[in-house]
C-alpha atoms as a PDB file:
ATOM      1  CA  MET A   1     -70.485  55.152 -94.719  1.00  0.00           C
ATOM      2  CA  ALA A   2     -73.441  55.525 -97.077  1.00  0.00           C
ATOM      3  CA  ALA A   3     -74.517  52.564 -99.180  1.00  0.00           C
ATOM      4  CA  ILE A   4     -74.242  52.627-102.958  1.00  0.00           C
ATOM      5  CA  SER A   5     -77.613  52.782-104.677  1.00  0.00           C
ATOM      6  CA  ILE A   6     -78.291  52.211-108.349  1.00  0.00           C
ATOM      7  CA  VAL A   7     -81.210  54.149-109.768  1.00  0.00           C
ATOM      8  CA  ASP A   8     -83.074  53.786-113.052  1.00  0.00           C
ATOM      9  CA  ALA A   9     -82.452  56.450-115.666  1.00  0.00           C
ATOM     10  CA  TRP A  10     -83.525  54.691-118.891  1.00  0.00           C
ATOM     11  CA  GLN A  11     -85.793  57.055-120.857  1.00  0.00           C
ATOM     12  CA  ARG A  12     -86.704  59.036-117.745  1.00  0.00           C
ATOM     13  CA  ASN A  13     -85.104  62.361-118.750  1.00  0.00           C
ATOM     14  CA  ASP A  14     -84.305  63.016-115.093  1.00  0.00           C
ATOM     15  CA  ALA A  15     -82.716  66.482-114.933  1.00  0.00           C
ATOM     16  CA  ARG A  16     -80.816  65.788-111.700  1.00  0.00           C
ATOM     17  CA  ILE A  17     -79.241  62.548-112.959  1.00  0.00           C
ATOM     18  CA  ALA A  18     -78.401  64.218-116.284  1.00  0.00           C
ATOM     19  CA  ALA A  19     -76.706  67.173-114.553  1.00  0.00           C
ATOM     20  CA  ASP A  20     -74.797  64.846-112.217  1.00  0.00           C
ATOM     21  CA  ALA A  21     -73.690  62.679-115.165  1.00  0.00           C
ATOM     22  CA  ILE A  22     -72.516  65.687-117.163  1.00  0.00           C
ATOM     23  CA  ASP A  23     -70.512  66.855-114.130  1.00  0.00           C
ATOM     24  CA  LEU A  24     -68.945  63.380-113.764  1.00  0.00           C
ATOM     25  CA  TRP A  25     -68.086  63.144-117.482  1.00  0.00           C
ATOM     26  CA  LYS A  26     -66.520  66.609-117.414  1.00  0.00           C
ATOM     27  CA  ARG A  27     -64.557  65.921-114.216  1.00  0.00           C
ATOM     28  CA  LEU A  28     -63.136  62.723-115.707  1.00  0.00           C
ATOM     29  CA  ASP A  29     -62.756  64.158-119.236  1.00  0.00           C
ATOM     30  CA  ALA A  30     -64.652  61.079-120.379  1.00  0.00           C
ATOM     31  CA  LEU A  31     -66.397  62.287-123.526  1.00  0.00           C
ATOM     32  CA  PRO A  32     -65.072  62.887-127.034  1.00  0.00           C
ATOM     33  CA  ALA A  33     -64.346  66.586-127.604  1.00  0.00           C
ATOM     34  CA  ASN A  34     -66.958  66.917-130.362  1.00  0.00           C
ATOM     35  CA  LEU A  35     -69.812  65.347-128.338  1.00  0.00           C
ATOM     36  CA  ASP A  36     -72.372  67.528-126.603  1.00  0.00           C
ATOM     37  CA  PRO A  37     -72.777  66.095-123.076  1.00  0.00           C
ATOM     38  CA  ALA A  38     -76.516  66.822-123.210  1.00  0.00           C
ATOM     39  CA  VAL A  39     -76.799  64.395-126.127  1.00  0.00           C
ATOM     40  CA  ARG A  40     -75.047  61.634-124.155  1.00  0.00           C
ATOM     41  CA  ALA A  41     -77.258  62.422-121.134  1.00  0.00           C
ATOM     42  CA  LYS A  42     -80.314  61.429-123.206  1.00  0.00           C
ATOM     43  CA  GLU A  43     -78.759  57.936-123.414  1.00  0.00           C
ATOM     44  CA  LEU A  44     -78.533  57.430-119.638  1.00  0.00           C
ATOM     45  CA  CYS A  45     -79.649  54.016-118.449  1.00  0.00           C
ATOM     46  CA  ALA A  46     -78.605  53.684-114.794  1.00  0.00           C
ATOM     47  CA  ALA A  47     -76.791  55.803-112.223  1.00  0.00           C
ATOM     48  CA  ALA A  48     -74.850  54.730-109.145  1.00  0.00           C
ATOM     49  CA  TYR A  49     -74.854  57.046-106.155  1.00  0.00           C
ATOM     50  CA  LEU A  50     -72.886  56.992-102.934  1.00  0.00           C
ATOM     51  CA  GLY A  51     -75.124  59.145-100.810  1.00  0.00           C
ATOM     52  CA  ARG A  52     -75.756  62.189-103.018  1.00  0.00           C
ATOM     53  CA  GLU A  53     -72.550  61.756-105.070  1.00  0.00           C
ATOM     54  CA  LEU A  54     -72.795  60.201-108.527  1.00  0.00           C
ATOM     55  CA  ILE A  55     -69.961  57.681-108.805  1.00  0.00           C
ATOM     56  CA  GLY A  56     -70.924  55.702-111.913  1.00  0.00           C
ATOM     57  CA  VAL A  57     -73.252  55.722-114.897  1.00  0.00           C
ATOM     58  CA  SER A  58     -74.308  53.535-117.758  1.00  0.00           C
ATOM     59  CA  THR A  59     -75.676  54.640-121.098  1.00  0.00           C
ATOM     60  CA  MET A  60     -77.512  52.738-123.787  1.00  0.00           C
ATOM     61  CA  VAL A  61     -77.903  53.353-127.523  1.00  0.00           C
ATOM     62  CA  LEU A  62     -80.214  51.217-129.651  1.00  0.00           C
ATOM     63  CA  GLU A  63     -78.516  50.146-132.882  1.00  0.00           C
ATOM     64  CA  THR A  64     -78.519  47.322-135.374  1.00  0.00           C
ATOM     65  CA  LEU A  65     -75.451  45.092-135.346  1.00  0.00           C
ATOM     66  CA  PRO A  66     -75.160  44.257-139.068  1.00  0.00           C
ATOM     67  CA  GLN A  67     -73.430  40.887-138.690  1.00  0.00           C
ATOM     68  CA  LEU A  68     -76.207  39.679-136.383  1.00  0.00           C
ATOM     69  CA  ARG A  69     -79.015  41.433-138.276  1.00  0.00           C
ATOM     70  CA  CYS A  70     -80.778  42.527-135.114  1.00  0.00           C
ATOM     71  CA  ARG A  71     -81.210  45.542-132.851  1.00  0.00           C
ATOM     72  CA  LEU A  72     -79.356  45.650-129.578  1.00  0.00           C
ATOM     73  CA  GLY A  73     -78.839  48.115-126.790  1.00  0.00           C
ATOM     74  CA  PHE A  74     -75.175  49.163-126.822  1.00  0.00           C
ATOM     75  CA  PHE A  75     -74.001  49.571-123.241  1.00  0.00           C
ATOM     76  CA  ARG A  76     -71.316  51.966-122.015  1.00  0.00           C
ATOM     77  CA  CYS A  77     -70.217  52.286-118.420  1.00  0.00           C
ATOM     78  CA  LEU A  78     -68.096  54.741-116.464  1.00  0.00           C
ATOM     79  CA  VAL A  79     -67.119  54.419-112.817  1.00  0.00           C
ATOM     80  CA  ALA A  80     -65.126  57.111-111.035  1.00  0.00           C
ATOM     81  CA  PRO A  81     -61.521  55.892-110.547  1.00  0.00           C
ATOM     82  CA  GLU A  82     -61.720  56.082-106.769  1.00  0.00           C
ATOM     83  CA  HIS A  83     -64.652  53.640-106.808  1.00  0.00           C
ATOM     84  CA  ARG A  84     -63.332  51.035-109.234  1.00  0.00           C
ATOM     85  CA  GLN A  85     -62.407  47.477-108.236  1.00  0.00           C
ATOM     86  CA  GLN A  86     -65.625  47.186-106.206  1.00  0.00           C
ATOM     87  CA  GLY A  87     -67.708  45.381-108.830  1.00  0.00           C
ATOM     88  CA  LEU A  88     -69.735  48.499-109.566  1.00  0.00           C
ATOM     89  CA  ALA A  89     -69.381  48.256-113.366  1.00  0.00           C
ATOM     90  CA  ARG A  90     -70.738  44.698-113.195  1.00  0.00           C
ATOM     91  CA  LYS A  91     -73.650  45.835-111.005  1.00  0.00           C
ATOM     92  CA  LEU A  92     -74.427  48.673-113.408  1.00  0.00           C
ATOM     93  CA  GLY A  93     -74.333  46.178-116.290  1.00  0.00           C
ATOM     94  CA  ILE A  94     -76.707  43.740-114.615  1.00  0.00           C
ATOM     95  CA  HIS A  95     -79.068  46.547-113.628  1.00  0.00           C
ATOM     96  CA  SER A  96     -78.968  48.093-117.104  1.00  0.00           C
ATOM     97  CA  ARG A  97     -79.626  44.750-118.750  1.00  0.00           C
ATOM     98  CA  ALA A  98     -82.665  44.169-116.538  1.00  0.00           C
ATOM     99  CA  LEU A  99     -84.045  47.624-117.389  1.00  0.00           C
ATOM    100  CA  LEU A 100     -83.526  47.141-121.116  1.00  0.00           C
ATOM    101  CA  ALA A 101     -84.869  43.578-121.103  1.00  0.00           C
ATOM    102  CA  GLN A 102     -88.093  44.722-119.429  1.00  0.00           C
ATOM    103  CA  TRP A 103     -88.373  47.684-121.789  1.00  0.00           C
ATOM    104  CA  SER A 104     -87.815  45.323-124.736  1.00  0.00           C
ATOM    105  CA  GLU A 105     -90.599  43.016-123.562  1.00  0.00           C
ATOM    106  CA  ASP A 106     -92.912  45.990-123.033  1.00  0.00           C
ATOM    107  CA  ASN A 107     -92.046  47.392-126.493  1.00  0.00           C
ATOM    108  CA  PRO A 108     -91.905  44.373-128.835  1.00  0.00           C
ATOM    109  CA  ARG A 109     -92.207  46.542-131.971  1.00  0.00           C
ATOM    110  CA  GLU A 110     -88.733  47.913-131.190  1.00  0.00           C
ATOM    111  CA  LYS A 111     -87.296  44.386-131.699  1.00  0.00           C
ATOM    112  CA  VAL A 112     -84.406  44.860-129.268  1.00  0.00           C
ATOM    113  CA  LEU A 113     -83.034  41.367-128.597  1.00  0.00           C
ATOM    114  CA  GLY A 114     -80.182  41.959-126.179  1.00  0.00           C
ATOM    115  CA  MET A 115     -77.483  44.175-124.787  1.00  0.00           C
ATOM    116  CA  ALA A 116     -74.130  44.562-126.531  1.00  0.00           C
ATOM    117  CA  THR A 117     -70.861  46.095-125.473  1.00  0.00           C
ATOM    118  CA  ILE A 118     -67.549  46.848-127.106  1.00  0.00           C
ATOM    119  CA  VAL A 119     -64.834  45.858-124.649  1.00  0.00           C
ATOM    120  CA  GLU A 120     -62.408  48.729-124.150  1.00  0.00           C
ATOM    121  CA  SER A 121     -61.092  48.349-120.615  1.00  0.00           C
ATOM    122  CA  PRO A 122     -57.606  46.823-120.331  1.00  0.00           C
ATOM    123  CA  ALA A 123     -58.766  45.520-116.938  1.00  0.00           C
ATOM    124  CA  LEU A 124     -60.842  42.943-118.843  1.00  0.00           C
ATOM    125  CA  ASP A 125     -57.957  41.600-120.946  1.00  0.00           C
ATOM    126  CA  ALA A 126     -57.682  38.555-118.688  1.00  0.00           C
ATOM    127  CA  PHE A 127     -61.187  37.519-119.727  1.00  0.00           C
ATOM    128  CA  SER A 128     -60.656  38.024-123.473  1.00  0.00           C
ATOM    129  CA  LYS A 129     -59.956  34.312-124.108  1.00  0.00           C
ATOM    130  CA  ILE A 130     -63.267  33.190-122.580  1.00  0.00           C
ATOM    131  CA  PRO A 131     -65.975  32.933-125.305  1.00  0.00           C
ATOM    132  CA  ILE A 132     -68.886  33.445-122.901  1.00  0.00           C
ATOM    133  CA  TRP A 133     -68.306  35.465-119.743  1.00  0.00           C
ATOM    134  CA  PRO A 134     -70.372  34.288-116.799  1.00  0.00           C
ATOM    135  CA  VAL A 135     -72.186  37.247-115.290  1.00  0.00           C
ATOM    136  CA  ALA A 136     -74.556  36.174-112.543  1.00  0.00           C
ATOM    137  CA  PRO A 137     -76.273  32.954-111.466  1.00  0.00           C
ATOM    138  CA  GLY A 138     -79.401  32.307-113.507  1.00  0.00           C
ATOM    139  CA  LEU A 139     -78.392  34.637-116.338  1.00  0.00           C
ATOM    140  CA  ASN A 140     -76.798  33.716-119.634  1.00  0.00           C
ATOM    141  CA  GLY A 141     -73.425  35.345-120.189  1.00  0.00           C
ATOM    142  CA  LEU A 142     -71.777  37.872-122.470  1.00  0.00           C
ATOM    143  CA  ALA A 143     -71.000  35.975-125.669  1.00  0.00           C
ATOM    144  CA  LEU A 144     -68.233  36.984-128.040  1.00  0.00           C
ATOM    145  CA  VAL A 145     -69.844  37.705-131.427  1.00  0.00           C
ATOM    146  CA  GLY A 146     -67.085  39.486-133.312  1.00  0.00           C
ATOM    147  CA  TYR A 147     -64.581  42.309-133.394  1.00  0.00           C
ATOM    148  CA  THR A 148     -64.607  45.972-134.351  1.00  0.00           C
ATOM    149  CA  SER A 149     -62.354  47.210-137.150  1.00  0.00           C
ATOM    150  CA  ALA A 150     -59.984  48.358-134.374  1.00  0.00           C
ATOM    151  CA  GLY A 151     -59.807  44.789-133.016  1.00  0.00           C
ATOM    152  CA  ARG A 152     -61.956  45.308-129.909  1.00  0.00           C
ATOM    153  CA  GLN A 153     -64.267  42.502-128.866  1.00  0.00           C
ATOM    154  CA  ILE A 154     -68.014  42.831-129.379  1.00  0.00           C
ATOM    155  CA  ARG A 155     -69.979  40.893-126.792  1.00  0.00           C
ATOM    156  CA  VAL A 156     -73.730  40.317-126.588  1.00  0.00           C
ATOM    157  CA  TRP A 157     -75.926  39.433-123.663  1.00  0.00           C
ATOM    158  CA  TRP A 158     -79.098  38.019-125.205  1.00  0.00           C
ATOM    159  CA  PHE A 159     -82.470  38.478-123.542  1.00  0.00           C
ATOM    160  CA  GLU A 160     -84.302  35.291-122.602  1.00  0.00           C
ATOM    161  CA  HIS A 161     -87.314  36.392-124.692  1.00  0.00           C
ATOM    162  CA  ALA A 162     -85.159  37.112-127.770  1.00  0.00           C
ATOM    163  CA  ARG A 163     -86.120  35.334-130.976  1.00  0.00           C
ATOM    164  CA  LEU A 164     -84.375  35.844-134.280  1.00  0.00           C
ATOM    165  CA  ASP A 165     -86.420  36.610-137.412  1.00  0.00           C
END
């Protein structure tokens, strides 16, 4: 069996990864009806392949979180159902965070201080009572910083170089 590889996609505009991601999103009916998949493809951060088959992707959008008064990369992740429960979403998250953290250091004028996510997966309900989720040895964890108007948790994974104004 082929090994899973995670490849960088952040700001690379890779046509192959974009086409593969659009195919995956369409197959899984994973995008809102009014969203052009090509627009989401411009947000690609990392892609997980099993051989030549795309089995998972992450996307990142840079936005300001008003209650924290700072810019963050908002992370989304999708793993094909047949490849879930293998820790792939976690691996995509760690990889995406590393890409964004390096980009943030290389682009200090952008003032991106961490990676945020809005928790949507019911599979993570068991962790909802833990204020800071441990992620990997040597890395700080995903800290609960608030809730959306729909009651979903907002969690932030701060970069080590982050400094608040």
